Amino acid sequence: MEDASPRLVRATQLPDTDQRGFAFTAVGTAARLNGALTPELYEVLRAAGPGRSIAVNAVDDTLTFVPFRDLPPWLKRWAVYVTVRDKLEGWWLRGEDAVRRVWQVVRRG
């Protein structure tokens, strides 16, 4: 892992968007295979931005396959944020569905 890390870091900074995408896919694969990333790769993910960037899948793979206790603090905060956001969105959608069903019953009746 330490051998490939510098090459992955360089690849994530390439000018071609497709090649950068492949590099971030490789970072996610490294997280899957090793259950950890090097500090340099964590910094690359942080610099890319975890939420709306080309690195979103690599961040998701990292959160899935790297133990929470081994994550850097910024990624732990992101994991908590994503978990809470997803839970709230699920509650919202269930409530919306219930209101829609009640509305359909009222319209029929």
PDB file of N, CA and C in Angstrom:
ATOM      1  N   MET A   1       0.819  -1.187   0.000  1.00  0.00           N
ATOM      2  CA  MET A   1       0.000   0.000   0.000  1.00  0.00           C
ATOM      3  C   MET A   1       0.868   1.258   0.000  1.00  0.00           C
ATOM      4  N   GLU A   2       1.893   1.271   0.849  1.00  0.00           N
ATOM      5  CA  GLU A   2       2.763   2.439   0.925  1.00  0.00           C
ATOM      6  C   GLU A   2       3.510   2.661  -0.386  1.00  0.00           C
ATOM      7  N   ASP A   3       3.752   1.584  -1.139  1.00  0.00           N
ATOM      8  CA  ASP A   3       4.450   1.722  -2.418  1.00  0.00           C
ATOM      9  C   ASP A   3       3.573   2.411  -3.460  1.00  0.00           C
ATOM     10  N   ALA A   4       2.301   2.095  -3.454  1.00  0.00           N
ATOM     11  CA  ALA A   4       1.394   2.632  -4.468  1.00  0.00           C
ATOM     12  C   ALA A   4       0.875   4.016  -4.111  1.00  0.00           C
ATOM     13  N   SER A   5       0.938   4.397  -2.856  1.00  0.00           N
ATOM     14  CA  SER A   5       0.348   5.654  -2.410  1.00  0.00           C
ATOM     15  C   SER A   5       0.868   6.884  -3.164  1.00  0.00           C
ATOM     16  N   PRO A   6       2.177   7.053  -3.333  1.00  0.00           N
ATOM     17  CA  PRO A   6       2.642   8.241  -4.066  1.00  0.00           C
ATOM     18  C   PRO A   6       2.142   8.284  -5.514  1.00  0.00           C
ATOM     19  N   ARG A   7       2.053   7.127  -6.149  1.00  0.00           N
ATOM     20  CA  ARG A   7       1.548   7.097  -7.528  1.00  0.00           C
ATOM     21  C   ARG A   7       0.073   7.454  -7.577  1.00  0.00           C
ATOM     22  N   LEU A   8      -0.687   6.969  -6.591  1.00  0.00           N
ATOM     23  CA  LEU A   8      -2.110   7.317  -6.548  1.00  0.00           C
ATOM     24  C   LEU A   8      -2.307   8.813  -6.290  1.00  0.00           C
ATOM     25  N   VAL A   9      -1.502   9.356  -5.407  1.00  0.00           N
ATOM     26  CA  VAL A   9      -1.596  10.799  -5.131  1.00  0.00           C
ATOM     27  C   VAL A   9      -1.327  11.591  -6.408  1.00  0.00           C
ATOM     28  N   ARG A  10      -0.286  11.223  -7.130  1.00  0.00           N
ATOM     29  CA  ARG A  10       0.021  11.926  -8.392  1.00  0.00           C
ATOM     30  C   ARG A  10      -1.098  11.746  -9.412  1.00  0.00           C
ATOM     31  N   ALA A  11      -1.656  10.553  -9.473  1.00  0.00           N
ATOM     32  CA  ALA A  11      -2.717  10.278 -10.454  1.00  0.00           C
ATOM     33  C   ALA A  11      -3.978  11.079 -10.145  1.00  0.00           C
ATOM     34  N   THR A  12      -4.256  11.351  -8.875  1.00  0.00           N
ATOM     35  CA  THR A  12      -5.445  12.127  -8.527  1.00  0.00           C
ATOM     36  C   THR A  12      -5.295  13.596  -8.889  1.00  0.00           C
ATOM     37  N   GLN A  13      -4.103  14.001  -9.275  1.00  0.00           N
ATOM     38  CA  GLN A  13      -3.860  15.399  -9.642  1.00  0.00           C
ATOM     39  C   GLN A  13      -3.660  15.590 -11.146  1.00  0.00           C
ATOM     40  N   LEU A  14      -3.942  14.566 -11.923  1.00  0.00           N
ATOM     41  CA  LEU A  14      -3.802  14.663 -13.370  1.00  0.00           C
ATOM     42  C   LEU A  14      -4.826  15.638 -13.946  1.00  0.00           C
ATOM     43  N   PRO A  15      -4.505  16.274 -15.069  1.00  0.00           N
ATOM     44  CA  PRO A  15      -5.437  17.251 -15.653  1.00  0.00           C
ATOM     45  C   PRO A  15      -6.681  16.612 -16.282  1.00  0.00           C
ATOM     46  N   ASP A  16      -6.576  15.391 -16.762  1.00  0.00           N
ATOM     47  CA  ASP A  16      -7.698  14.726 -17.418  1.00  0.00           C
ATOM     48  C   ASP A  16      -8.687  14.202 -16.373  1.00  0.00           C
ATOM     49  N   THR A  17      -9.930  14.620 -16.475  1.00  0.00           N
ATOM     50  CA  THR A  17     -10.953  14.237 -15.502  1.00  0.00           C
ATOM     51  C   THR A  17     -11.171  12.729 -15.458  1.00  0.00           C
ATOM     52  N   ASP A  18     -11.182  12.083 -16.607  1.00  0.00           N
ATOM     53  CA  ASP A  18     -11.385  10.625 -16.632  1.00  0.00           C
ATOM     54  C   ASP A  18     -10.255   9.899 -15.909  1.00  0.00           C
ATOM     55  N   GLN A  19      -9.029  10.336 -16.141  1.00  0.00           N
ATOM     56  CA  GLN A  19      -7.901   9.693 -15.476  1.00  0.00           C
ATOM     57  C   GLN A  19      -7.945   9.929 -13.961  1.00  0.00           C
ATOM     58  N   ARG A  20      -8.358  11.126 -13.551  1.00  0.00           N
ATOM     59  CA  ARG A  20      -8.510  11.399 -12.116  1.00  0.00           C
ATOM     60  C   ARG A  20      -9.599  10.502 -11.524  1.00  0.00           C
ATOM     61  N   GLY A  21     -10.666  10.294 -12.285  1.00  0.00           N
ATOM     62  CA  GLY A  21     -11.730   9.405 -11.821  1.00  0.00           C
ATOM     63  C   GLY A  21     -11.230   7.995 -11.591  1.00  0.00           C
ATOM     64  N   PHE A  22     -10.399   7.505 -12.520  1.00  0.00           N
ATOM     65  CA  PHE A  22      -9.817   6.175 -12.347  1.00  0.00           C
ATOM     66  C   PHE A  22      -8.912   6.135 -11.117  1.00  0.00           C
ATOM     67  N   ALA A  23      -8.192   7.223 -10.872  1.00  0.00           N
ATOM     68  CA  ALA A  23      -7.301   7.281  -9.709  1.00  0.00           C
ATOM     69  C   ALA A  23      -8.104   7.217  -8.413  1.00  0.00           C
ATOM     70  N   PHE A  24      -9.217   7.944  -8.355  1.00  0.00           N
ATOM     71  CA  PHE A  24     -10.038   7.898  -7.149  1.00  0.00           C
ATOM     72  C   PHE A  24     -10.713   6.535  -6.993  1.00  0.00           C
ATOM     73  N   THR A  25     -11.026   5.886  -8.102  1.00  0.00           N
ATOM     74  CA  THR A  25     -11.536   4.518  -8.027  1.00  0.00           C
ATOM     75  C   THR A  25     -10.475   3.605  -7.422  1.00  0.00           C
ATOM     76  N   ALA A  26      -9.239   3.816  -7.803  1.00  0.00           N
ATOM     77  CA  ALA A  26      -8.137   3.022  -7.244  1.00  0.00           C
ATOM     78  C   ALA A  26      -7.966   3.295  -5.748  1.00  0.00           C
ATOM     79  N   VAL A  27      -8.175   4.539  -5.322  1.00  0.00           N
ATOM     80  CA  VAL A  27      -8.098   4.855  -3.891  1.00  0.00           C
ATOM     81  C   VAL A  27      -9.193   4.108  -3.135  1.00  0.00           C
ATOM     82  N   GLY A  28     -10.408   4.104  -3.682  1.00  0.00           N
ATOM     83  CA  GLY A  28     -11.487   3.347  -3.059  1.00  0.00           C
ATOM     84  C   GLY A  28     -11.194   1.861  -3.013  1.00  0.00           C
ATOM     85  N   THR A  29     -10.602   1.344  -4.070  1.00  0.00           N
ATOM     86  CA  THR A  29     -10.227  -0.071  -4.108  1.00  0.00           C
ATOM     87  C   THR A  29      -9.153  -0.377  -3.068  1.00  0.00           C
ATOM     88  N   ALA A  30      -8.216   0.540  -2.899  1.00  0.00           N
ATOM     89  CA  ALA A  30      -7.178   0.348  -1.872  1.00  0.00           C
ATOM     90  C   ALA A  30      -7.810   0.288  -0.484  1.00  0.00           C
ATOM     91  N   ALA A  31      -8.799   1.130  -0.248  1.00  0.00           N
ATOM     92  CA  ALA A  31      -9.493   1.096   1.046  1.00  0.00           C
ATOM     93  C   ALA A  31     -10.207  -0.239   1.228  1.00  0.00           C
ATOM     94  N   ARG A  32     -10.805  -0.751   0.154  1.00  0.00           N
ATOM     95  CA  ARG A  32     -11.498  -2.044   0.224  1.00  0.00           C
ATOM     96  C   ARG A  32     -10.519  -3.176   0.526  1.00  0.00           C
ATOM     97  N   LEU A  33      -9.411  -3.188  -0.177  1.00  0.00           N
ATOM     98  CA  LEU A  33      -8.469  -4.303  -0.057  1.00  0.00           C
ATOM     99  C   LEU A  33      -7.666  -4.272   1.233  1.00  0.00           C
ATOM    100  N   ASN A  34      -7.284  -3.082   1.680  1.00  0.00           N
ATOM    101  CA  ASN A  34      -6.376  -2.971   2.816  1.00  0.00           C
ATOM    102  C   ASN A  34      -7.071  -2.616   4.126  1.00  0.00           C
ATOM    103  N   GLY A  35      -8.285  -2.093   4.050  1.00  0.00           N
ATOM    104  CA  GLY A  35      -8.962  -1.664   5.269  1.00  0.00           C
ATOM    105  C   GLY A  35      -8.332  -0.439   5.889  1.00  0.00           C
ATOM    106  N   ALA A  36      -7.522   0.270   5.112  1.00  0.00           N
ATOM    107  CA  ALA A  36      -6.854   1.485   5.596  1.00  0.00           C
ATOM    108  C   ALA A  36      -6.296   2.239   4.399  1.00  0.00           C
ATOM    109  N   LEU A  37      -5.987   3.500   4.630  1.00  0.00           N
ATOM    110  CA  LEU A  37      -5.312   4.323   3.629  1.00  0.00           C
ATOM    111  C   LEU A  37      -4.136   5.018   4.295  1.00  0.00           C
ATOM    112  N   THR A  38      -3.217   5.501   3.488  1.00  0.00           N
ATOM    113  CA  THR A  38      -2.095   6.257   4.039  1.00  0.00           C
ATOM    114  C   THR A  38      -2.556   7.682   4.347  1.00  0.00           C
ATOM    115  N   PRO A  39      -1.846   8.374   5.210  1.00  0.00           N
ATOM    116  CA  PRO A  39      -2.213   9.777   5.508  1.00  0.00           C
ATOM    117  C   PRO A  39      -2.263  10.652   4.263  1.00  0.00           C
ATOM    118  N   GLU A  40      -1.393  10.396   3.301  1.00  0.00           N
ATOM    119  CA  GLU A  40      -1.392  11.177   2.063  1.00  0.00           C
ATOM    120  C   GLU A  40      -2.693  10.990   1.288  1.00  0.00           C
ATOM    121  N   LEU A  41      -3.186   9.755   1.239  1.00  0.00           N
ATOM    122  CA  LEU A  41      -4.430   9.488   0.514  1.00  0.00           C
ATOM    123  C   LEU A  41      -5.628  10.095   1.238  1.00  0.00           C
ATOM    124  N   TYR A  42      -5.606  10.077   2.571  1.00  0.00           N
ATOM    125  CA  TYR A  42      -6.674  10.767   3.309  1.00  0.00           C
ATOM    126  C   TYR A  42      -6.671  12.255   2.977  1.00  0.00           C
ATOM    127  N   GLU A  43      -5.490  12.840   2.860  1.00  0.00           N
ATOM    128  CA  GLU A  43      -5.402  14.273   2.523  1.00  0.00           C
ATOM    129  C   GLU A  43      -5.915  14.548   1.111  1.00  0.00           C
ATOM    130  N   VAL A  44      -5.650  13.629   0.192  1.00  0.00           N
ATOM    131  CA  VAL A  44      -6.169  13.787  -1.171  1.00  0.00           C
ATOM    132  C   VAL A  44      -7.693  13.771  -1.157  1.00  0.00           C
ATOM    133  N   LEU A  45      -8.268  12.854  -0.394  1.00  0.00           N
ATOM    134  CA  LEU A  45      -9.732  12.796  -0.295  1.00  0.00           C
ATOM    135  C   LEU A  45     -10.283  14.066   0.340  1.00  0.00           C
ATOM    136  N   ARG A  46      -9.605  14.546   1.356  1.00  0.00           N
ATOM    137  CA  ARG A  46     -10.055  15.769   2.018  1.00  0.00           C
ATOM    138  C   ARG A  46      -9.975  16.963   1.077  1.00  0.00           C
ATOM    139  N   ALA A  47      -8.894  17.057   0.330  1.00  0.00           N
ATOM    140  CA  ALA A  47      -8.725  18.175  -0.605  1.00  0.00           C
ATOM    141  C   ALA A  47      -9.773  18.134  -1.714  1.00  0.00           C
ATOM    142  N   ALA A  48     -10.155  16.940  -2.136  1.00  0.00           N
ATOM    143  CA  ALA A  48     -11.158  16.814  -3.198  1.00  0.00           C
ATOM    144  C   ALA A  48     -12.547  17.170  -2.686  1.00  0.00           C
ATOM    145  N   GLY A  49     -12.761  17.044  -1.397  1.00  0.00           N
ATOM    146  CA  GLY A  49     -14.075  17.334  -0.825  1.00  0.00           C
ATOM    147  C   GLY A  49     -14.945  16.099  -0.868  1.00  0.00           C
ATOM    148  N   PRO A  50     -15.411  15.644   0.284  1.00  0.00           N
ATOM    149  CA  PRO A  50     -16.110  14.363   0.330  1.00  0.00           C
ATOM    150  C   PRO A  50     -17.523  14.364  -0.225  1.00  0.00           C
ATOM    151  N   GLY A  51     -18.182  15.515  -0.318  1.00  0.00           N
ATOM    152  CA  GLY A  51     -19.608  15.513  -0.613  1.00  0.00           C
ATOM    153  C   GLY A  51     -20.004  15.570  -2.068  1.00  0.00           C
ATOM    154  N   ARG A  52     -19.436  16.465  -2.832  1.00  0.00           N
ATOM    155  CA  ARG A  52     -19.918  16.696  -4.190  1.00  0.00           C
ATOM    156  C   ARG A  52     -18.787  16.627  -5.208  1.00  0.00           C
ATOM    157  N   SER A  53     -17.873  15.767  -5.034  1.00  0.00           N
ATOM    158  CA  SER A  53     -16.711  15.781  -5.908  1.00  0.00           C
ATOM    159  C   SER A  53     -16.529  14.450  -6.612  1.00  0.00           C
ATOM    160  N   ILE A  54     -15.466  14.410  -7.363  1.00  0.00           N
ATOM    161  CA  ILE A  54     -15.098  13.198  -8.071  1.00  0.00           C
ATOM    162  C   ILE A  54     -14.717  12.089  -7.085  1.00  0.00           C
ATOM    163  N   ALA A  55     -14.431  12.466  -5.839  1.00  0.00           N
ATOM    164  CA  ALA A  55     -13.970  11.509  -4.836  1.00  0.00           C
ATOM    165  C   ALA A  55     -15.098  10.895  -4.020  1.00  0.00           C
ATOM    166  N   VAL A  56     -16.343  11.182  -4.352  1.00  0.00           N
ATOM    167  CA  VAL A  56     -17.455  10.742  -3.494  1.00  0.00           C
ATOM    168  C   VAL A  56     -17.504   9.221  -3.345  1.00  0.00           C
ATOM    169  N   ASN A  57     -17.254   8.482  -4.388  1.00  0.00           N
ATOM    170  CA  ASN A  57     -17.286   7.018  -4.289  1.00  0.00           C
ATOM    171  C   ASN A  57     -16.099   6.488  -3.496  1.00  0.00           C
ATOM    172  N   ALA A  58     -14.942   7.111  -3.645  1.00  0.00           N
ATOM    173  CA  ALA A  58     -13.772   6.696  -2.863  1.00  0.00           C
ATOM    174  C   ALA A  58     -14.007   6.962  -1.382  1.00  0.00           C
ATOM    175  N   VAL A  59     -14.642   8.079  -1.057  1.00  0.00           N
ATOM    176  CA  VAL A  59     -14.957   8.382   0.340  1.00  0.00           C
ATOM    177  C   VAL A  59     -15.964   7.365   0.873  1.00  0.00           C
ATOM    178  N   ASP A  60     -16.976   7.045   0.084  1.00  0.00           N
ATOM    179  CA  ASP A  60     -17.964   6.042   0.513  1.00  0.00           C
ATOM    180  C   ASP A  60     -17.306   4.684   0.754  1.00  0.00           C
ATOM    181  N   ASP A  61     -16.411   4.276  -0.136  1.00  0.00           N
ATOM    182  CA  ASP A  61     -15.702   3.003   0.052  1.00  0.00           C
ATOM    183  C   ASP A  61     -14.847   3.047   1.311  1.00  0.00           C
ATOM    184  N   THR A  62     -14.210   4.176   1.551  1.00  0.00           N
ATOM    185  CA  THR A  62     -13.381   4.313   2.746  1.00  0.00           C
ATOM    186  C   THR A  62     -14.240   4.204   4.003  1.00  0.00           C
ATOM    187  N   LEU A  63     -15.386   4.871   4.001  1.00  0.00           N
ATOM    188  CA  LEU A  63     -16.262   4.807   5.171  1.00  0.00           C
ATOM    189  C   LEU A  63     -16.813   3.394   5.385  1.00  0.00           C
ATOM    190  N   THR A  64     -16.964   2.659   4.307  1.00  0.00           N
ATOM    191  CA  THR A  64     -17.504   1.306   4.408  1.00  0.00           C
ATOM    192  C   THR A  64     -16.462   0.298   4.878  1.00  0.00           C
ATOM    193  N   PHE A  65     -15.246   0.399   4.391  1.00  0.00           N
ATOM    194  CA  PHE A  65     -14.263  -0.665   4.600  1.00  0.00           C
ATOM    195  C   PHE A  65     -13.160  -0.346   5.601  1.00  0.00           C
ATOM    196  N   VAL A  66     -13.025   0.898   6.010  1.00  0.00           N
ATOM    197  CA  VAL A  66     -12.026   1.251   7.019  1.00  0.00           C
ATOM    198  C   VAL A  66     -12.749   1.389   8.355  1.00  0.00           C
ATOM    199  N   PRO A  67     -12.263   0.721   9.404  1.00  0.00           N
ATOM    200  CA  PRO A  67     -12.926   0.837  10.706  1.00  0.00           C
ATOM    201  C   PRO A  67     -13.019   2.298  11.160  1.00  0.00           C
ATOM    202  N   PHE A  68     -14.134   2.640  11.783  1.00  0.00           N
ATOM    203  CA  PHE A  68     -14.384   4.015  12.205  1.00  0.00           C
ATOM    204  C   PHE A  68     -13.254   4.543  13.085  1.00  0.00           C
ATOM    205  N   ARG A  69     -12.736   3.712  13.978  1.00  0.00           N
ATOM    206  CA  ARG A  69     -11.683   4.158  14.902  1.00  0.00           C
ATOM    207  C   ARG A  69     -10.383   4.515  14.174  1.00  0.00           C
ATOM    208  N   ASP A  70     -10.207   4.014  12.945  1.00  0.00           N
ATOM    209  CA  ASP A  70      -8.981   4.284  12.193  1.00  0.00           C
ATOM    210  C   ASP A  70      -9.096   5.489  11.262  1.00  0.00           C
ATOM    211  N   LEU A  71     -10.268   6.082  11.181  1.00  0.00           N
ATOM    212  CA  LEU A  71     -10.466   7.226  10.293  1.00  0.00           C
ATOM    213  C   LEU A  71      -9.886   8.489  10.912  1.00  0.00           C
ATOM    214  N   PRO A  72      -9.443   9.421  10.075  1.00  0.00           N
ATOM    215  CA  PRO A  72      -9.012  10.720  10.617  1.00  0.00           C
ATOM    216  C   PRO A  72     -10.236  11.487  11.133  1.00  0.00           C
ATOM    217  N   PRO A  73     -10.027  12.441  12.033  1.00  0.00           N
ATOM    218  CA  PRO A  73     -11.169  13.149  12.640  1.00  0.00           C
ATOM    219  C   PRO A  73     -12.123  13.788  11.630  1.00  0.00           C
ATOM    220  N   TRP A  74     -11.613  14.395  10.563  1.00  0.00           N
ATOM    221  CA  TRP A  74     -12.501  15.052   9.600  1.00  0.00           C
ATOM    222  C   TRP A  74     -13.415  14.035   8.924  1.00  0.00           C
ATOM    223  N   LEU A  75     -12.908  12.824   8.693  1.00  0.00           N
ATOM    224  CA  LEU A  75     -13.719  11.806   8.027  1.00  0.00           C
ATOM    225  C   LEU A  75     -14.719  11.175   9.006  1.00  0.00           C
ATOM    226  N   LYS A  76     -14.364  11.131  10.274  1.00  0.00           N
ATOM    227  CA  LYS A  76     -15.323  10.683  11.282  1.00  0.00           C
ATOM    228  C   LYS A  76     -16.501  11.646  11.347  1.00  0.00           C
ATOM    229  N   ARG A  77     -16.207  12.951  11.327  1.00  0.00           N
ATOM    230  CA  ARG A  77     -17.293  13.945  11.340  1.00  0.00           C
ATOM    231  C   ARG A  77     -18.163  13.802  10.101  1.00  0.00           C
ATOM    232  N   TRP A  78     -17.545  13.577   8.961  1.00  0.00           N
ATOM    233  CA  TRP A  78     -18.304  13.403   7.724  1.00  0.00           C
ATOM    234  C   TRP A  78     -19.196  12.156   7.815  1.00  0.00           C
ATOM    235  N   ALA A  79     -18.668  11.073   8.390  1.00  0.00           N
ATOM    236  CA  ALA A  79     -19.447   9.842   8.525  1.00  0.00           C
ATOM    237  C   ALA A  79     -20.673  10.069   9.400  1.00  0.00           C
ATOM    238  N   VAL A  80     -20.512  10.795  10.501  1.00  0.00           N
ATOM    239  CA  VAL A  80     -21.642  11.086  11.374  1.00  0.00           C
ATOM    240  C   VAL A  80     -22.652  11.959  10.640  1.00  0.00           C
ATOM    241  N   TYR A  81     -22.173  12.975   9.938  1.00  0.00           N
ATOM    242  CA  TYR A  81     -23.061  13.860   9.184  1.00  0.00           C
ATOM    243  C   TYR A  81     -23.880  13.076   8.159  1.00  0.00           C
ATOM    244  N   VAL A  82     -23.219  12.213   7.392  1.00  0.00           N
ATOM    245  CA  VAL A  82     -23.904  11.442   6.358  1.00  0.00           C
ATOM    246  C   VAL A  82     -24.930  10.500   6.969  1.00  0.00           C
ATOM    247  N   THR A  83     -24.588   9.873   8.082  1.00  0.00           N
ATOM    248  CA  THR A  83     -25.514   8.954   8.737  1.00  0.00           C
ATOM    249  C   THR A  83     -26.760   9.686   9.213  1.00  0.00           C
ATOM    250  N   VAL A  84     -26.571  10.821   9.862  1.00  0.00           N
ATOM    251  CA  VAL A  84     -27.715  11.595  10.355  1.00  0.00           C
ATOM    252  C   VAL A  84     -28.553  12.113   9.188  1.00  0.00           C
ATOM    253  N   ARG A  85     -27.896  12.622   8.150  1.00  0.00           N
ATOM    254  CA  ARG A  85     -28.615  13.132   6.980  1.00  0.00           C
ATOM    255  C   ARG A  85     -29.457  12.046   6.329  1.00  0.00           C
ATOM    256  N   ASP A  86     -28.876  10.866   6.158  1.00  0.00           N
ATOM    257  CA  ASP A  86     -29.613   9.768   5.531  1.00  0.00           C
ATOM    258  C   ASP A  86     -30.794   9.327   6.382  1.00  0.00           C
ATOM    259  N   LYS A  87     -30.613   9.290   7.693  1.00  0.00           N
ATOM    260  CA  LYS A  87     -31.701   8.901   8.585  1.00  0.00           C
ATOM    261  C   LYS A  87     -32.838   9.918   8.509  1.00  0.00           C
ATOM    262  N   LEU A  88     -32.517  11.206   8.549  1.00  0.00           N
ATOM    263  CA  LEU A  88     -33.541  12.245   8.460  1.00  0.00           C
ATOM    264  C   LEU A  88     -34.266  12.210   7.119  1.00  0.00           C
ATOM    265  N   GLU A  89     -33.519  11.973   6.060  1.00  0.00           N
ATOM    266  CA  GLU A  89     -34.137  11.881   4.738  1.00  0.00           C
ATOM    267  C   GLU A  89     -35.100  10.694   4.673  1.00  0.00           C
ATOM    268  N   GLY A  90     -34.723   9.578   5.272  1.00  0.00           N
ATOM    269  CA  GLY A  90     -35.616   8.416   5.303  1.00  0.00           C
ATOM    270  C   GLY A  90     -36.895   8.710   6.060  1.00  0.00           C
ATOM    271  N   TRP A  91     -36.772   9.364   7.215  1.00  0.00           N
ATOM    272  CA  TRP A  91     -37.962   9.738   7.972  1.00  0.00           C
ATOM    273  C   TRP A  91     -38.838  10.682   7.176  1.00  0.00           C
ATOM    274  N   TRP A  92     -38.225  11.652   6.509  1.00  0.00           N
ATOM    275  CA  TRP A  92     -38.977  12.620   5.699  1.00  0.00           C
ATOM    276  C   TRP A  92     -39.754  11.903   4.594  1.00  0.00           C
ATOM    277  N   LEU A  93     -39.097  11.000   3.900  1.00  0.00           N
ATOM    278  CA  LEU A  93     -39.748  10.293   2.799  1.00  0.00           C
ATOM    279  C   LEU A  93     -40.874   9.398   3.292  1.00  0.00           C
ATOM    280  N   ARG A  94     -40.697   8.739   4.441  1.00  0.00           N
ATOM    281  CA  ARG A  94     -41.779   7.927   4.995  1.00  0.00           C
ATOM    282  C   ARG A  94     -42.967   8.790   5.389  1.00  0.00           C
ATOM    283  N   GLY A  95     -42.694   9.948   5.982  1.00  0.00           N
ATOM    284  CA  GLY A  95     -43.774  10.871   6.334  1.00  0.00           C
ATOM    285  C   GLY A  95     -44.494  11.394   5.115  1.00  0.00           C
ATOM    286  N   GLU A  96     -43.731  11.722   4.091  1.00  0.00           N
ATOM    287  CA  GLU A  96     -44.311  12.201   2.834  1.00  0.00           C
ATOM    288  C   GLU A  96     -45.202  11.131   2.216  1.00  0.00           C
ATOM    289  N   ASP A  97     -44.750   9.887   2.263  1.00  0.00           N
ATOM    290  CA  ASP A  97     -45.537   8.780   1.717  1.00  0.00           C
ATOM    291  C   ASP A  97     -46.835   8.597   2.503  1.00  0.00           C
ATOM    292  N   ALA A  98     -46.746   8.699   3.819  1.00  0.00           N
ATOM    293  CA  ALA A  98     -47.952   8.560   4.641  1.00  0.00           C
ATOM    294  C   ALA A  98     -48.953   9.671   4.344  1.00  0.00           C
ATOM    295  N   VAL A  99     -48.479  10.892   4.189  1.00  0.00           N
ATOM    296  CA  VAL A  99     -49.372  12.015   3.869  1.00  0.00           C
ATOM    297  C   VAL A  99     -50.016  11.796   2.503  1.00  0.00           C
ATOM    298  N   ARG A 100     -49.264  11.308   1.546  1.00  0.00           N
ATOM    299  CA  ARG A 100     -49.797  11.049   0.212  1.00  0.00           C
ATOM    300  C   ARG A 100     -50.905  10.001   0.261  1.00  0.00           C
ATOM    301  N   ARG A 101     -50.683   8.929   1.047  1.00  0.00           N
ATOM    302  CA  ARG A 101     -51.712   7.890   1.159  1.00  0.00           C
ATOM    303  C   ARG A 101     -52.971   8.410   1.838  1.00  0.00           C
ATOM    304  N   VAL A 102     -52.799   9.202   2.882  1.00  0.00           N
ATOM    305  CA  VAL A 102     -53.969   9.792   3.562  1.00  0.00           C
ATOM    306  C   VAL A 102     -54.711  10.692   2.603  1.00  0.00           C
ATOM    307  N   TRP A 103     -53.991  11.503   1.835  1.00  0.00           N
ATOM    308  CA  TRP A 103     -54.614  12.396   0.875  1.00  0.00           C
ATOM    309  C   TRP A 103     -55.401  11.620  -0.166  1.00  0.00           C
ATOM    310  N   GLN A 104     -54.872  10.506  -0.637  1.00  0.00           N
ATOM    311  CA  GLN A 104     -55.586   9.679  -1.614  1.00  0.00           C
ATOM    312  C   GLN A 104     -56.868   9.114  -1.026  1.00  0.00           C
ATOM    313  N   VAL A 105     -56.842   8.686   0.230  1.00  0.00           N
ATOM    314  CA  VAL A 105     -58.037   8.165   0.877  1.00  0.00           C
ATOM    315  C   VAL A 105     -59.073   9.260   1.037  1.00  0.00           C
ATOM    316  N   VAL A 106     -58.647  10.453   1.426  1.00  0.00           N
ATOM    317  CA  VAL A 106     -59.576  11.577   1.609  1.00  0.00           C
ATOM    318  C   VAL A 106     -60.211  11.962   0.275  1.00  0.00           C
ATOM    319  N   ARG A 107     -59.429  11.965  -0.792  1.00  0.00           N
ATOM    320  CA  ARG A 107     -59.973  12.338  -2.111  1.00  0.00           C
ATOM    321  C   ARG A 107     -61.006  11.315  -2.600  1.00  0.00           C
ATOM    322  N   ARG A 108     -60.794  10.044  -2.289  1.00  0.00           N
ATOM    323  CA  ARG A 108     -61.724   9.009  -2.725  1.00  0.00           C
ATOM    324  C   ARG A 108     -63.018   9.036  -1.891  1.00  0.00           C
ATOM    325  N   GLY A 109     -62.857   9.345  -0.622  1.00  0.00           N
ATOM    326  CA  GLY A 109     -63.983   9.199   0.306  1.00  0.00           C
ATOM    327  C   GLY A 109     -64.908  10.340   0.296  1.00  0.00           C
TER     328      GLY A 109
END
